[in-house]
PDB file of all heavy atoms in Angstrom:
ATOM      1  N   GLN A   1       0.819  -1.204  -0.002  1.00  0.00           N
ATOM      2  CA  GLN A   1       0.000  -0.001  -0.003  1.00  0.00           C
ATOM      3  C   GLN A   1       0.853   1.257  -0.001  1.00  0.00           C
ATOM      4  O   GLN A   1       2.078   1.195   0.106  1.00  0.00           O
ATOM      5  CB  GLN A   1      -0.906  -0.007   1.245  1.00  0.00           C
ATOM      6  CG  GLN A   1      -0.153   0.105   2.556  1.00  0.00           C
ATOM      7  CD  GLN A   1      -1.050  -0.090   3.772  1.00  0.00           C
ATOM      8  OE1 GLN A   1      -1.667  -1.145   3.926  1.00  0.00           O
ATOM      9  NE2 GLN A   1      -1.133   0.939   4.615  1.00  0.00           N
ATOM     10  N   ALA A   2       0.163   2.390  -0.126  1.00  0.00           N
ATOM     11  CA  ALA A   2       0.847   3.685  -0.077  1.00  0.00           C
ATOM     12  C   ALA A   2       1.484   3.883   1.285  1.00  0.00           C
ATOM     13  O   ALA A   2       0.921   3.495   2.310  1.00  0.00           O
ATOM     14  CB  ALA A   2      -0.160   4.802  -0.357  1.00  0.00           C
ATOM     15  N   LEU A   3       2.668   4.497   1.290  1.00  0.00           N
ATOM     16  CA  LEU A   3       3.398   4.705   2.527  1.00  0.00           C
ATOM     17  C   LEU A   3       4.286   5.927   2.377  1.00  0.00           C
ATOM     18  O   LEU A   3       4.915   6.122   1.338  1.00  0.00           O
ATOM     19  CB  LEU A   3       4.251   3.475   2.851  1.00  0.00           C
ATOM     20  CG  LEU A   3       4.842   3.392   4.263  1.00  0.00           C
ATOM     21  CD1 LEU A   3       3.740   3.264   5.310  1.00  0.00           C
ATOM     22  CD2 LEU A   3       5.796   2.224   4.380  1.00  0.00           C
ATOM     23  N   GLY A   4       4.342   6.752   3.416  1.00  0.00           N
ATOM     24  CA  GLY A   4       5.157   7.961   3.379  1.00  0.00           C
ATOM     25  C   GLY A   4       6.637   7.657   3.269  1.00  0.00           C
ATOM     26  O   GLY A   4       7.106   6.563   3.610  1.00  0.00           O
ATOM     27  N   GLY A   5       7.391   8.655   2.810  1.00  0.00           N
ATOM     28  CA  GLY A   5       8.817   8.467   2.583  1.00  0.00           C
ATOM     29  C   GLY A   5       9.595   8.161   3.839  1.00  0.00           C
ATOM     30  O   GLY A   5      10.528   7.333   3.823  1.00  0.00           O
ATOM     31  N   THR A   6       9.260   8.808   4.960  1.00  0.00           N
ATOM     32  CA  THR A   6       9.985   8.534   6.207  1.00  0.00           C
ATOM     33  C   THR A   6       9.777   7.102   6.653  1.00  0.00           C
ATOM     34  O   THR A   6      10.728   6.390   7.020  1.00  0.00           O
ATOM     35  CB  THR A   6       9.522   9.509   7.310  1.00  0.00           C
ATOM     36  OG1 THR A   6       9.835  10.843   6.924  1.00  0.00           O
ATOM     37  CG2 THR A   6      10.221   9.194   8.620  1.00  0.00           C
ATOM     38  N   GLU A   7       8.528   6.642   6.610  1.00  0.00           N
ATOM     39  CA  GLU A   7       8.240   5.269   7.025  1.00  0.00           C
ATOM     40  C   GLU A   7       8.925   4.251   6.111  1.00  0.00           C
ATOM     41  O   GLU A   7       9.488   3.255   6.578  1.00  0.00           O
ATOM     42  CB  GLU A   7       6.722   5.027   7.035  1.00  0.00           C
ATOM     43  CG  GLU A   7       5.976   5.775   8.111  1.00  0.00           C
ATOM     44  CD  GLU A   7       5.565   7.177   7.679  1.00  0.00           C
ATOM     45  OE1 GLU A   7       6.079   7.668   6.640  1.00  0.00           O
ATOM     46  OE2 GLU A   7       4.721   7.793   8.363  1.00  0.00           O
ATOM     47  N   ALA A   8       8.901   4.526   4.795  1.00  0.00           N
ATOM     48  CA  ALA A   8       9.572   3.633   3.860  1.00  0.00           C
ATOM     49  C   ALA A   8      11.065   3.565   4.139  1.00  0.00           C
ATOM     50  O   ALA A   8      11.686   2.492   4.065  1.00  0.00           O
ATOM     51  CB  ALA A   8       9.322   4.102   2.426  1.00  0.00           C
ATOM     52  N   THR A   9      11.655   4.703   4.474  1.00  0.00           N
ATOM     53  CA  THR A   9      13.083   4.756   4.780  1.00  0.00           C
ATOM     54  C   THR A   9      13.395   3.985   6.054  1.00  0.00           C
ATOM     55  O   THR A   9      14.396   3.249   6.123  1.00  0.00           O
ATOM     56  CB  THR A   9      13.539   6.216   4.900  1.00  0.00           C
ATOM     57  OG1 THR A   9      13.353   6.868   3.642  1.00  0.00           O
ATOM     58  CG2 THR A   9      15.003   6.312   5.296  1.00  0.00           C
ATOM     59  N   VAL A  10      12.568   4.122   7.083  1.00  0.00           N
ATOM     60  CA  VAL A  10      12.766   3.364   8.324  1.00  0.00           C
ATOM     61  C   VAL A  10      12.755   1.871   8.033  1.00  0.00           C
ATOM     62  O   VAL A  10      13.613   1.119   8.509  1.00  0.00           O
ATOM     63  CB  VAL A  10      11.691   3.729   9.368  1.00  0.00           C
ATOM     64  CG1 VAL A  10      11.753   2.762  10.562  1.00  0.00           C
ATOM     65  CG2 VAL A  10      11.860   5.155   9.859  1.00  0.00           C
ATOM     66  N   ILE A  11      11.787   1.437   7.236  1.00  0.00           N
ATOM     67  CA  ILE A  11      11.687   0.006   6.916  1.00  0.00           C
ATOM     68  C   ILE A  11      12.960  -0.477   6.226  1.00  0.00           C
ATOM     69  O   ILE A  11      13.532  -1.521   6.592  1.00  0.00           O
ATOM     70  CB  ILE A  11      10.456  -0.259   6.020  1.00  0.00           C
ATOM     71  CG1 ILE A  11       9.168  -0.066   6.817  1.00  0.00           C
ATOM     72  CG2 ILE A  11      10.505  -1.674   5.433  1.00  0.00           C
ATOM     73  CD1 ILE A  11       7.908  -0.081   5.965  1.00  0.00           C
ATOM     74  N   ARG A  12      13.413   0.247   5.209  1.00  0.00           N
ATOM     75  CA  ARG A  12      14.580  -0.214   4.451  1.00  0.00           C
ATOM     76  C   ARG A  12      15.828  -0.302   5.330  1.00  0.00           C
ATOM     77  O   ARG A  12      16.579  -1.285   5.273  1.00  0.00           O
ATOM     78  CB  ARG A  12      14.833   0.731   3.265  1.00  0.00           C
ATOM     79  CG  ARG A  12      13.785   0.627   2.176  1.00  0.00           C
ATOM     80  CD  ARG A  12      14.222   1.325   0.891  1.00  0.00           C
ATOM     81  NE  ARG A  12      13.211   1.129  -0.135  1.00  0.00           N
ATOM     82  CZ  ARG A  12      12.349   2.059  -0.524  1.00  0.00           C
ATOM     83  NH1 ARG A  12      12.385   3.257   0.029  1.00  0.00           N
ATOM     84  NH2 ARG A  12      11.450   1.810  -1.465  1.00  0.00           N
ATOM     85  N   ILE A  13      16.060   0.731   6.151  1.00  0.00           N
ATOM     86  CA  ILE A  13      17.253   0.735   6.980  1.00  0.00           C
ATOM     87  C   ILE A  13      17.155  -0.298   8.091  1.00  0.00           C
ATOM     88  O   ILE A  13      18.102  -1.061   8.347  1.00  0.00           O
ATOM     89  CB  ILE A  13      17.489   2.135   7.574  1.00  0.00           C
ATOM     90  CG1 ILE A  13      17.820   3.134   6.468  1.00  0.00           C
ATOM     91  CG2 ILE A  13      18.611   2.107   8.608  1.00  0.00           C
ATOM     92  CD1 ILE A  13      19.078   2.820   5.712  1.00  0.00           C
ATOM     93  N   ALA A  14      16.037  -0.347   8.787  1.00  0.00           N
ATOM     94  CA  ALA A  14      15.883  -1.297   9.902  1.00  0.00           C
ATOM     95  C   ALA A  14      15.967  -2.730   9.412  1.00  0.00           C
ATOM     96  O   ALA A  14      16.593  -3.589  10.057  1.00  0.00           O
ATOM     97  CB  ALA A  14      14.558  -1.048  10.619  1.00  0.00           C
ATOM     98  N   ASP A  15      15.348  -3.021   8.265  1.00  0.00           N
ATOM     99  CA  ASP A  15      15.420  -4.382   7.732  1.00  0.00           C
ATOM    100  C   ASP A  15      16.846  -4.740   7.338  1.00  0.00           C
ATOM    101  O   ASP A  15      17.313  -5.865   7.584  1.00  0.00           O
ATOM    102  CB  ASP A  15      14.492  -4.527   6.527  1.00  0.00           C
ATOM    103  CG  ASP A  15      13.024  -4.617   6.917  1.00  0.00           C
ATOM    104  OD1 ASP A  15      12.717  -4.525   8.124  1.00  0.00           O
ATOM    105  OD2 ASP A  15      12.174  -4.746   6.008  1.00  0.00           O
ATOM    106  N   ALA A  16      17.569  -3.805   6.731  1.00  0.00           N
ATOM    107  CA  ALA A  16      18.954  -4.072   6.330  1.00  0.00           C
ATOM    108  C   ALA A  16      19.846  -4.313   7.542  1.00  0.00           C
ATOM    109  O   ALA A  16      20.781  -5.126   7.480  1.00  0.00           O
ATOM    110  CB  ALA A  16      19.487  -2.912   5.496  1.00  0.00           C
ATOM    111  N   LEU A  17      19.563  -3.618   8.646  1.00  0.00           N
ATOM    112  CA  LEU A  17      20.361  -3.769   9.872  1.00  0.00           C
ATOM    113  C   LEU A  17      19.837  -4.888  10.765  1.00  0.00           C
ATOM    114  O   LEU A  17      20.457  -5.181  11.793  1.00  0.00           O
ATOM    115  CB  LEU A  17      20.346  -2.451  10.667  1.00  0.00           C
ATOM    116  CG  LEU A  17      21.041  -1.252  10.035  1.00  0.00           C
ATOM    117  CD1 LEU A  17      20.756   0.004  10.858  1.00  0.00           C
ATOM    118  CD2 LEU A  17      22.549  -1.491   9.943  1.00  0.00           C
ATOM    119  N   GLU A  18      18.701  -5.475  10.377  1.00  0.00           N
ATOM    120  CA  GLU A  18      18.013  -6.472  11.217  1.00  0.00           C
ATOM    121  C   GLU A  18      17.734  -5.902  12.620  1.00  0.00           C
ATOM    122  O   GLU A  18      17.895  -6.554  13.634  1.00  0.00           O
ATOM    123  CB  GLU A  18      18.823  -7.766  11.305  1.00  0.00           C
ATOM    124  CG  GLU A  18      18.989  -8.441   9.948  1.00  0.00           C
ATOM    125  CD  GLU A  18      19.704  -9.783  10.048  1.00  0.00           C
ATOM    126  OE1 GLU A  18      20.348 -10.057  11.079  1.00  0.00           O
ATOM    127  OE2 GLU A  18      19.599 -10.557   9.087  1.00  0.00           O
ATOM    128  N   ALA A  19      17.316  -4.629  12.617  1.00  0.00           N
ATOM    129  CA  ALA A  19      17.027  -3.932  13.869  1.00  0.00           C
ATOM    130  C   ALA A  19      15.548  -4.066  14.222  1.00  0.00           C
ATOM    131  O   ALA A  19      14.704  -4.356  13.363  1.00  0.00           O
ATOM    132  CB  ALA A  19      17.383  -2.445  13.725  1.00  0.00           C
ATOM    133  N   LEU A  20      15.243  -3.851  15.494  1.00  0.00           N
ATOM    134  CA  LEU A  20      13.854  -3.812  15.933  1.00  0.00           C
ATOM    135  C   LEU A  20      13.236  -2.462  15.559  1.00  0.00           C
ATOM    136  O   LEU A  20      13.939  -1.458  15.450  1.00  0.00           O
ATOM    137  CB  LEU A  20      13.766  -4.008  17.448  1.00  0.00           C
ATOM    138  CG  LEU A  20      14.334  -5.305  18.028  1.00  0.00           C
ATOM    139  CD1 LEU A  20      14.220  -5.303  19.545  1.00  0.00           C
ATOM    140  CD2 LEU A  20      13.629  -6.517  17.427  1.00  0.00           C
ATOM    141  N   VAL A  21      11.925  -2.467  15.359  1.00  0.00           N
ATOM    142  CA  VAL A  21      11.186  -1.232  15.100  1.00  0.00           C
ATOM    143  C   VAL A  21      10.003  -1.181  16.060  1.00  0.00           C
ATOM    144  O   VAL A  21       9.218  -2.135  16.139  1.00  0.00           O
ATOM    145  CB  VAL A  21      10.672  -1.164  13.648  1.00  0.00           C
ATOM    146  CG1 VAL A  21       9.872   0.123  13.426  1.00  0.00           C
ATOM    147  CG2 VAL A  21      11.827  -1.252  12.660  1.00  0.00           C
ATOM    148  N   VAL A  22       9.888  -0.081  16.786  1.00  0.00           N
ATOM    149  CA  VAL A  22       8.775   0.125  17.717  1.00  0.00           C
ATOM    150  C   VAL A  22       8.011   1.357  17.275  1.00  0.00           C
ATOM    151  O   VAL A  22       8.605   2.399  16.997  1.00  0.00           O
ATOM    152  CB  VAL A  22       9.281   0.287  19.166  1.00  0.00           C
ATOM    153  CG1 VAL A  22       8.149   0.753  20.083  1.00  0.00           C
ATOM    154  CG2 VAL A  22       9.860  -1.019  19.680  1.00  0.00           C
ATOM    155  N   GLN A  23       6.693   1.222  17.188  1.00  0.00           N
ATOM    156  CA  GLN A  23       5.834   2.357  16.855  1.00  0.00           C
ATOM    157  C   GLN A  23       4.918   2.657  18.037  1.00  0.00           C
ATOM    158  O   GLN A  23       4.419   1.745  18.694  1.00  0.00           O
ATOM    159  CB  GLN A  23       5.015   2.043  15.604  1.00  0.00           C
ATOM    160  CG  GLN A  23       5.863   1.917  14.354  1.00  0.00           C
ATOM    161  CD  GLN A  23       5.537   0.691  13.525  1.00  0.00           C
ATOM    162  OE1 GLN A  23       4.601  -0.050  13.807  1.00  0.00           O
ATOM    163  NE2 GLN A  23       6.333   0.456  12.492  1.00  0.00           N
ATOM    164  N   HIS A  24       4.715   3.937  18.278  1.00  0.00           N
ATOM    165  CA  HIS A  24       3.981   4.371  19.466  1.00  0.00           C
ATOM    166  C   HIS A  24       2.553   3.839  19.496  1.00  0.00           C
ATOM    167  O   HIS A  24       1.980   3.630  20.576  1.00  0.00           O
ATOM    168  CB  HIS A  24       3.950   5.904  19.531  1.00  0.00           C
ATOM    169  CG  HIS A  24       3.090   6.529  18.477  1.00  0.00           C
ATOM    170  ND1 HIS A  24       1.841   7.048  18.745  1.00  0.00           N
ATOM    171  CD2 HIS A  24       3.284   6.701  17.135  1.00  0.00           C
ATOM    172  CE1 HIS A  24       1.314   7.524  17.624  1.00  0.00           C
ATOM    173  NE2 HIS A  24       2.175   7.330  16.638  1.00  0.00           N
ATOM    174  N   ASN A  25       1.973   3.585  18.313  1.00  0.00           N
ATOM    175  CA  ASN A  25       0.572   3.162  18.255  1.00  0.00           C
ATOM    176  C   ASN A  25       0.403   1.692  17.888  1.00  0.00           C
ATOM    177  O   ASN A  25      -0.707   1.258  17.579  1.00  0.00           O
ATOM    178  CB  ASN A  25      -0.184   4.041  17.259  1.00  0.00           C
ATOM    179  CG  ASN A  25       0.521   4.154  15.908  1.00  0.00           C
ATOM    180  OD1 ASN A  25       1.521   3.488  15.670  1.00  0.00           O
ATOM    181  ND2 ASN A  25       0.006   5.014  15.041  1.00  0.00           N
ATOM    182  N   ARG A  26       1.478   0.922  17.914  1.00  0.00           N
ATOM    183  CA  ARG A  26       1.361  -0.515  17.623  1.00  0.00           C
ATOM    184  C   ARG A  26       0.844  -1.238  18.856  1.00  0.00           C
ATOM    185  O   ARG A  26       1.350  -1.044  19.963  1.00  0.00           O
ATOM    186  CB  ARG A  26       2.713  -1.086  17.188  1.00  0.00           C
ATOM    187  CG  ARG A  26       2.667  -2.586  16.874  1.00  0.00           C
ATOM    188  CD  ARG A  26       3.977  -3.087  16.296  1.00  0.00           C
ATOM    189  NE  ARG A  26       4.105  -2.735  14.878  1.00  0.00           N
ATOM    190  CZ  ARG A  26       3.556  -3.428  13.894  1.00  0.00           C
ATOM    191  NH1 ARG A  26       2.833  -4.510  14.161  1.00  0.00           N
ATOM    192  NH2 ARG A  26       3.729  -3.050  12.649  1.00  0.00           N
ATOM    193  N   THR A  27      -0.155  -2.090  18.683  1.00  0.00           N
ATOM    194  CA  THR A  27      -0.771  -2.812  19.800  1.00  0.00           C
ATOM    195  C   THR A  27      -0.465  -4.310  19.792  1.00  0.00           C
ATOM    196  O   THR A  27      -0.795  -5.017  20.747  1.00  0.00           O
ATOM    197  CB  THR A  27      -2.297  -2.633  19.780  1.00  0.00           C
ATOM    198  OG1 THR A  27      -2.820  -3.099  18.526  1.00  0.00           O
ATOM    199  CG2 THR A  27      -2.667  -1.159  19.974  1.00  0.00           C
ATOM    200  N   GLU A  28       0.176  -4.773  18.710  1.00  0.00           N
ATOM    201  CA  GLU A  28       0.494  -6.207  18.612  1.00  0.00           C
ATOM    202  C   GLU A  28       1.829  -6.372  17.909  1.00  0.00           C
ATOM    203  O   GLU A  28       2.037  -5.826  16.818  1.00  0.00           O
ATOM    204  CB  GLU A  28      -0.615  -6.926  17.838  1.00  0.00           C
ATOM    205  CG  GLU A  28      -0.438  -8.428  17.776  1.00  0.00           C
ATOM    206  CD  GLU A  28      -1.618  -9.112  17.103  1.00  0.00           C
ATOM    207  OE1 GLU A  28      -2.745  -8.574  17.206  1.00  0.00           O
ATOM    208  OE2 GLU A  28      -1.412 -10.162  16.471  1.00  0.00           O
ATOM    209  N   SER A  29       2.741  -7.125  18.528  1.00  0.00           N
ATOM    210  CA  SER A  29       4.059  -7.328  17.930  1.00  0.00           C
ATOM    211  C   SER A  29       3.991  -8.331  16.788  1.00  0.00           C
ATOM    212  O   SER A  29       3.168  -9.273  16.801  1.00  0.00           O
ATOM    213  CB  SER A  29       5.053  -7.822  18.990  1.00  0.00           C
ATOM    214  OG  SER A  29       5.269  -6.838  19.967  1.00  0.00           O
ATOM    215  N   SER A  30       4.867  -8.114  15.781  1.00  0.00           N
ATOM    216  CA  SER A  30       4.954  -9.026  14.649  1.00  0.00           C
ATOM    217  C   SER A  30       6.396  -9.068  14.186  1.00  0.00           C
ATOM    218  O   SER A  30       6.891  -8.109  13.581  1.00  0.00           O
ATOM    219  CB  SER A  30       4.034  -8.556  13.515  1.00  0.00           C
ATOM    220  OG  SER A  30       4.186  -9.376  12.363  1.00  0.00           O
ATOM    221  N   GLY A  31       7.102 -10.165  14.488  1.00  0.00           N
ATOM    222  CA  GLY A  31       8.507 -10.273  14.129  1.00  0.00           C
ATOM    223  C   GLY A  31       9.330  -9.200  14.813  1.00  0.00           C
ATOM    224  O   GLY A  31       9.260  -9.014  16.025  1.00  0.00           O
ATOM    225  N   ARG A  32      10.094  -8.442  14.005  1.00  0.00           N
ATOM    226  CA  ARG A  32      10.940  -7.380  14.560  1.00  0.00           C
ATOM    227  C   ARG A  32      10.179  -6.091  14.812  1.00  0.00           C
ATOM    228  O   ARG A  32      10.739  -5.133  15.325  1.00  0.00           O
ATOM    229  CB  ARG A  32      12.135  -7.135  13.637  1.00  0.00           C
ATOM    230  CG  ARG A  32      13.135  -8.274  13.618  1.00  0.00           C
ATOM    231  CD  ARG A  32      14.346  -7.972  12.743  1.00  0.00           C
ATOM    232  NE  ARG A  32      13.965  -7.806  11.348  1.00  0.00           N
ATOM    233  CZ  ARG A  32      13.777  -6.650  10.734  1.00  0.00           C
ATOM    234  NH1 ARG A  32      13.919  -5.517  11.422  1.00  0.00           N
ATOM    235  NH2 ARG A  32      13.437  -6.581   9.470  1.00  0.00           N
ATOM    236  N   TYR A  33       8.920  -6.047  14.432  1.00  0.00           N
ATOM    237  CA  TYR A  33       8.097  -4.849  14.628  1.00  0.00           C
ATOM    238  C   TYR A  33       7.308  -5.028  15.928  1.00  0.00           C
ATOM    239  O   TYR A  33       6.427  -5.882  16.024  1.00  0.00           O
ATOM    240  CB  TYR A  33       7.193  -4.623  13.410  1.00  0.00           C
ATOM    241  CG  TYR A  33       7.999  -4.198  12.202  1.00  0.00           C
ATOM    242  CD1 TYR A  33       8.712  -5.139  11.440  1.00  0.00           C
ATOM    243  CD2 TYR A  33       8.106  -2.856  11.848  1.00  0.00           C
ATOM    244  CE1 TYR A  33       9.487  -4.745  10.350  1.00  0.00           C
ATOM    245  CE2 TYR A  33       8.873  -2.447  10.764  1.00  0.00           C
ATOM    246  CZ  TYR A  33       9.561  -3.399  10.021  1.00  0.00           C
ATOM    247  OH  TYR A  33      10.338  -3.009   8.958  1.00  0.00           O
ATOM    248  N   ARG A  34       7.654  -4.226  16.937  1.00  0.00           N
ATOM    249  CA  ARG A  34       7.213  -4.486  18.316  1.00  0.00           C
ATOM    250  C   ARG A  34       6.367  -3.359  18.902  1.00  0.00           C
ATOM    251  O   ARG A  34       6.416  -2.214  18.454  1.00  0.00           O
ATOM    252  CB  ARG A  34       8.445  -4.681  19.213  1.00  0.00           C
ATOM    253  CG  ARG A  34       9.452  -5.716  18.720  1.00  0.00           C
ATOM    254  CD  ARG A  34       8.947  -7.127  18.902  1.00  0.00           C
ATOM    255  NE  ARG A  34       9.926  -8.107  18.469  1.00  0.00           N
ATOM    256  CZ  ARG A  34      10.953  -8.539  19.226  1.00  0.00           C
ATOM    257  NH1 ARG A  34      11.148  -8.036  20.434  1.00  0.00           N
ATOM    258  NH2 ARG A  34      11.786  -9.450  18.753  1.00  0.00           N
ATOM    259  N   THR A  35       5.631  -3.726  19.939  1.00  0.00           N
ATOM    260  CA  THR A  35       4.929  -2.741  20.759  1.00  0.00           C
ATOM    261  C   THR A  35       5.920  -2.114  21.738  1.00  0.00           C
ATOM    262  O   THR A  35       6.961  -2.718  22.047  1.00  0.00           O
ATOM    263  CB  THR A  35       3.796  -3.406  21.549  1.00  0.00           C
ATOM    264  OG1 THR A  35       4.367  -4.431  22.382  1.00  0.00           O
ATOM    265  CG2 THR A  35       2.772  -4.034  20.615  1.00  0.00           C
ATOM    266  N   PRO A  36       5.646  -0.927  22.242  1.00  0.00           N
ATOM    267  CA  PRO A  36       6.550  -0.313  23.223  1.00  0.00           C
ATOM    268  C   PRO A  36       6.561  -1.100  24.539  1.00  0.00           C
ATOM    269  O   PRO A  36       5.513  -1.319  25.140  1.00  0.00           O
ATOM    270  CB  PRO A  36       5.937   1.085  23.433  1.00  0.00           C
ATOM    271  CG  PRO A  36       5.051   1.311  22.253  1.00  0.00           C
ATOM    272  CD  PRO A  36       4.543  -0.032  21.859  1.00  0.00           C
ATOM    273  N   GLU A  37       7.728  -1.545  24.938  1.00  0.00           N
ATOM    274  CA  GLU A  37       7.877  -2.235  26.219  1.00  0.00           C
ATOM    275  C   GLU A  37       9.316  -2.107  26.695  1.00  0.00           C
ATOM    276  O   GLU A  37      10.238  -1.953  25.891  1.00  0.00           O
ATOM    277  CB  GLU A  37       7.479  -3.707  26.101  1.00  0.00           C
ATOM    278  CG  GLU A  37       8.248  -4.476  25.044  1.00  0.00           C
ATOM    279  CD  GLU A  37       7.725  -5.882  24.849  1.00  0.00           C
ATOM    280  OE1 GLU A  37       6.527  -6.111  25.079  1.00  0.00           O
ATOM    281  OE2 GLU A  37       8.522  -6.754  24.447  1.00  0.00           O
ATOM    282  N   LYS A  38       9.509  -2.168  27.975  1.00  0.00           N
ATOM    283  CA  LYS A  38      10.834  -1.922  28.538  1.00  0.00           C
ATOM    284  C   LYS A  38      11.819  -3.005  28.104  1.00  0.00           C
ATOM    285  O   LYS A  38      11.505  -4.205  28.135  1.00  0.00           O
ATOM    286  CB  LYS A  38      10.767  -1.859  30.060  1.00  0.00           C
ATOM    287  CG  LYS A  38      12.029  -1.334  30.702  1.00  0.00           C
ATOM    288  CD  LYS A  38      11.777  -0.883  32.133  1.00  0.00           C
ATOM    289  CE  LYS A  38      13.009  -0.187  32.709  1.00  0.00           C
ATOM    290  NZ  LYS A  38      12.761   0.388  34.049  1.00  0.00           N
ATOM    291  N   ASN A  39      13.024  -2.580  27.723  1.00  0.00           N
ATOM    292  CA  ASN A  39      14.041  -3.518  27.261  1.00  0.00           C
ATOM    293  C   ASN A  39      15.420  -2.942  27.568  1.00  0.00           C
ATOM    294  O   ASN A  39      15.978  -2.182  26.777  1.00  0.00           O
ATOM    295  CB  ASN A  39      13.898  -3.792  25.768  1.00  0.00           C
ATOM    296  CG  ASN A  39      14.807  -4.902  25.280  1.00  0.00           C
ATOM    297  OD1 ASN A  39      15.752  -5.280  25.974  1.00  0.00           O
ATOM    298  ND2 ASN A  39      14.532  -5.421  24.101  1.00  0.00           N
ATOM    299  N   PRO A  40      16.008  -3.313  28.702  1.00  0.00           N
ATOM    300  CA  PRO A  40      17.322  -2.767  29.073  1.00  0.00           C
ATOM    301  C   PRO A  40      18.471  -3.295  28.227  1.00  0.00           C
ATOM    302  O   PRO A  40      19.599  -2.796  28.324  1.00  0.00           O
ATOM    303  CB  PRO A  40      17.474  -3.200  30.535  1.00  0.00           C
ATOM    304  CG  PRO A  40      16.601  -4.402  30.674  1.00  0.00           C
ATOM    305  CD  PRO A  40      15.457  -4.200  29.741  1.00  0.00           C
ATOM    306  N   ASP A  41      18.205  -4.292  27.366  1.00  0.00           N
ATOM    307  CA  ASP A  41      19.269  -4.863  26.540  1.00  0.00           C
ATOM    308  C   ASP A  41      19.544  -4.057  25.269  1.00  0.00           C
ATOM    309  O   ASP A  41      20.544  -4.312  24.577  1.00  0.00           O
ATOM    310  CB  ASP A  41      18.914  -6.302  26.154  1.00  0.00           C
ATOM    311  CG  ASP A  41      18.843  -7.221  27.352  1.00  0.00           C
ATOM    312  OD1 ASP A  41      19.584  -6.969  28.330  1.00  0.00           O
ATOM    313  OD2 ASP A  41      18.048  -8.170  27.327  1.00  0.00           O
ATOM    314  N   ILE A  42      18.684  -3.121  24.952  1.00  0.00           N
ATOM    315  CA  ILE A  42      18.881  -2.308  23.753  1.00  0.00           C
ATOM    316  C   ILE A  42      20.076  -1.377  23.968  1.00  0.00           C
ATOM    317  O   ILE A  42      20.150  -0.659  24.962  1.00  0.00           O
ATOM    318  CB  ILE A  42      17.622  -1.489  23.421  1.00  0.00           C
ATOM    319  CG1 ILE A  42      16.444  -2.414  23.116  1.00  0.00           C
ATOM    320  CG2 ILE A  42      17.879  -0.542  22.262  1.00  0.00           C
ATOM    321  CD1 ILE A  42      16.646  -3.298  21.904  1.00  0.00           C
ATOM    322  N   THR A  43      21.003  -1.377  23.012  1.00  0.00           N
ATOM    323  CA  THR A  43      22.213  -0.560  23.156  1.00  0.00           C
ATOM    324  C   THR A  43      22.142   0.754  22.371  1.00  0.00           C
ATOM    325  O   THR A  43      22.843   1.708  22.701  1.00  0.00           O
ATOM    326  CB  THR A  43      23.446  -1.343  22.691  1.00  0.00           C
ATOM    327  OG1 THR A  43      23.262  -1.759  21.330  1.00  0.00           O
ATOM    328  CG2 THR A  43      23.674  -2.569  23.564  1.00  0.00           C
TER     329      THR A  43
END
């Protein structure tokens, strides 16, 4: 679907780095795309 340039850029970079992605309004985690929750292991 249609997607803004910033969001598309986040996806490309995060996927290439195999990084986690958290969105403020996400209510259900899916793979590396997560809900906001405490994680002291993030560097």
